[in-house]
Amino acid sequence: MSKSPKDIVRRLLTESWENPGLPAELLAPQITVHVASHPEPLEGLERYSAFQAAYRSVVGEVHFTVDDLLMEGDRVAARWTAWLDEGEAPSEDRSGEGPVAVMGISIFRFEGERIVEAWESWDSLSLLASDPDVLDKLSLTL
């Protein structure tokens, strides 16, 4: 049974950070990922997986909520929130200390049932506010 591109994107965002092997099922081996905060595209599944592992090693647990999914032709756009440092998204009460919310937008281009190209952009200031040294830590791991 084939999955819709929107289902594939939802699964990539919500499950792949906890299951590092999942991108191999959903991404084409020749994937190209353009990350706004990275100087050059990530070419290939191995490079994407290394990038994801580097982020995981610096920020710890990451849990995504998908806020919007829009599809047009061979592309799916996702608006998402990544929750850092907690096992689940917080309740509506945000008055106390809690996980850091980093919001972002990703656009995924499909060929068949595989993602072949992606463009990623997220709120780097929220990530930086969570740990002022995060950029230095990431540059050491990338």
Protein backbone atom coordinates (compact mmCIF):
# COMPACT_ATOMS: atom_id res chain seq x y z
CA MET A 1 0.00 0.00 0.00
CA SER A 2 1.52 3.29 -1.08
CA LYS A 3 1.62 6.27 1.21
CA SER A 4 0.81 9.81 0.16
CA PRO A 5 3.67 12.31 0.06
CA LYS A 6 2.07 14.15 2.98
CA ASP A 7 2.07 10.94 5.05
CA ILE A 8 5.74 10.38 4.18
CA VAL A 9 6.69 13.92 5.25
CA ARG A 10 4.72 13.61 8.50
CA ARG A 11 6.49 10.34 9.25
CA LEU A 12 9.92 11.77 8.42
CA LEU A 13 9.41 14.74 10.74
CA THR A 14 7.74 12.97 13.64
CA GLU A 15 9.63 9.67 13.67
CA SER A 16 13.09 10.01 12.13
CA TRP A 17 14.75 11.87 15.00
CA GLU A 18 13.95 8.96 17.29
CA ASN A 19 14.62 6.31 14.64
CA PRO A 20 17.87 7.16 12.81
CA GLY A 21 17.37 4.33 10.30
CA LEU A 22 14.04 5.68 9.06
CA PRO A 23 15.38 8.26 6.56
CA ALA A 24 16.78 5.39 4.46
CA GLU A 25 13.18 4.24 3.87
CA LEU A 26 11.85 7.68 2.96
CA LEU A 27 14.70 9.56 1.26
CA ALA A 28 16.33 8.82 -2.07
CA PRO A 29 20.00 7.80 -1.77
CA GLN A 30 20.93 10.87 -3.84
CA ILE A 31 18.91 13.31 -1.66
CA THR A 32 19.98 16.96 -1.71
CA VAL A 33 19.06 18.99 1.36
CA HIS A 34 19.44 22.77 1.36
CA VAL A 35 19.67 24.04 4.94
CA ALA A 36 19.41 27.82 5.38
CA SER A 37 21.95 27.83 8.22
CA HIS A 38 24.44 25.56 6.43
CA PRO A 39 26.86 26.97 3.83
CA GLU A 40 26.44 24.20 1.25
CA PRO A 41 23.80 21.60 0.38
CA LEU A 42 23.93 18.22 2.07
CA GLU A 43 24.44 15.72 -0.75
CA GLY A 44 23.38 12.11 -0.24
CA LEU A 45 21.67 10.05 2.42
CA GLU A 46 24.87 9.46 4.42
CA ARG A 47 25.58 13.20 4.69
CA TYR A 48 21.98 13.91 5.71
CA SER A 49 22.12 11.18 8.36
CA ALA A 50 25.43 12.57 9.70
CA PHE A 51 23.90 16.07 9.85
CA GLN A 52 20.88 14.76 11.76
CA ALA A 53 23.15 12.80 14.15
CA ALA A 54 25.23 15.94 14.79
CA TYR A 55 22.15 17.93 15.75
CA ARG A 56 20.89 15.09 17.95
CA SER A 57 24.26 14.94 19.76
CA VAL A 58 24.16 18.68 20.49
CA VAL A 59 20.51 19.34 21.34
CA GLY A 60 19.52 15.99 22.81
CA GLU A 61 15.99 14.75 22.39
CA VAL A 62 13.94 16.36 19.64
CA HIS A 63 10.21 15.82 19.17
CA PHE A 64 8.31 17.32 16.26
CA THR A 65 4.75 18.41 15.88
CA VAL A 66 3.52 19.02 12.33
CA ASP A 67 1.48 22.21 12.27
CA ASP A 68 0.59 22.36 8.56
CA LEU A 69 1.14 20.26 5.44
CA LEU A 70 0.43 21.62 1.97
CA MET A 71 0.93 19.77 -1.30
CA GLU A 72 1.24 21.11 -4.83
CA GLY A 73 2.46 18.92 -7.68
CA ASP A 74 5.57 16.99 -6.60
CA ARG A 75 6.22 19.14 -3.50
CA VAL A 76 5.03 19.11 0.09
CA ALA A 77 5.50 22.11 2.39
CA ALA A 78 5.52 21.52 6.13
CA ARG A 79 5.29 24.04 8.95
CA TRP A 80 6.54 22.36 12.10
CA THR A 81 7.65 22.88 15.68
CA ALA A 82 10.58 21.01 17.17
CA TRP A 83 10.53 20.59 20.94
CA LEU A 84 13.97 20.30 22.49
CA ASP A 85 15.03 18.89 25.87
CA GLU A 86 11.77 17.20 26.87
CA GLY A 87 10.14 13.87 26.14
CA GLU A 88 6.96 15.44 24.79
CA ALA A 89 5.47 18.74 23.76
CA PRO A 90 4.40 20.85 26.75
CA SER A 91 0.87 21.58 27.82
CA GLU A 92 -0.75 24.86 26.91
CA ASP A 93 0.60 26.38 30.15
CA ARG A 94 3.92 27.90 29.05
CA SER A 95 4.39 29.99 32.23
CA GLY A 96 7.27 27.99 33.66
CA GLU A 97 10.52 26.68 32.33
CA GLY A 98 10.01 23.96 29.81
CA PRO A 99 11.19 22.68 26.50
CA VAL A 100 12.47 25.04 23.85
CA ALA A 101 10.22 25.41 20.82
CA VAL A 102 11.98 25.88 17.48
CA MET A 103 9.63 26.57 14.58
CA GLY A 104 10.51 25.89 10.98
CA ILE A 105 9.36 25.34 7.45
CA SER A 106 10.52 22.61 5.10
CA ILE A 107 9.72 21.97 1.46
CA PHE A 108 10.18 18.46 0.09
CA ARG A 109 10.33 17.44 -3.58
CA PHE A 110 9.29 13.90 -4.49
CA GLU A 111 10.07 11.46 -7.24
CA GLY A 112 7.65 8.58 -6.77
CA GLU A 113 7.45 7.74 -3.07
CA ARG A 114 10.91 9.08 -2.17
CA ILE A 115 12.05 12.56 -1.19
CA VAL A 116 14.81 13.65 -3.58
CA GLU A 117 15.32 17.26 -2.50
CA ALA A 118 14.47 19.40 0.50
CA TRP A 119 14.79 23.00 1.64
CA GLU A 120 14.95 23.61 5.40
CA SER A 121 14.69 26.83 7.39
CA TRP A 122 14.07 27.22 11.11
CA ASP A 123 14.16 29.73 13.93
CA SER A 124 17.87 29.67 14.72
CA LEU A 125 17.46 32.39 17.35
CA SER A 126 15.33 30.13 19.54
CA LEU A 127 17.93 27.41 19.19
CA LEU A 128 20.68 29.88 20.08
CA ALA A 129 18.68 31.20 23.05
CA SER A 130 18.44 27.67 24.42
CA ASP A 131 22.24 27.38 24.47
CA PRO A 132 24.49 30.32 23.47
CA ASP A 133 27.26 27.87 22.54
CA VAL A 134 25.09 25.71 20.28
CA LEU A 135 26.56 27.08 17.04
CA ASP A 136 30.11 26.40 18.20
CA LYS A 137 29.12 22.88 19.26
CA LEU A 138 27.49 22.22 15.90
CA SER A 139 30.46 23.53 13.92
CA LEU A 140 32.67 21.04 15.77
CA THR A 141 30.42 18.12 14.84
CA LEU A 142 29.61 19.01 11.21
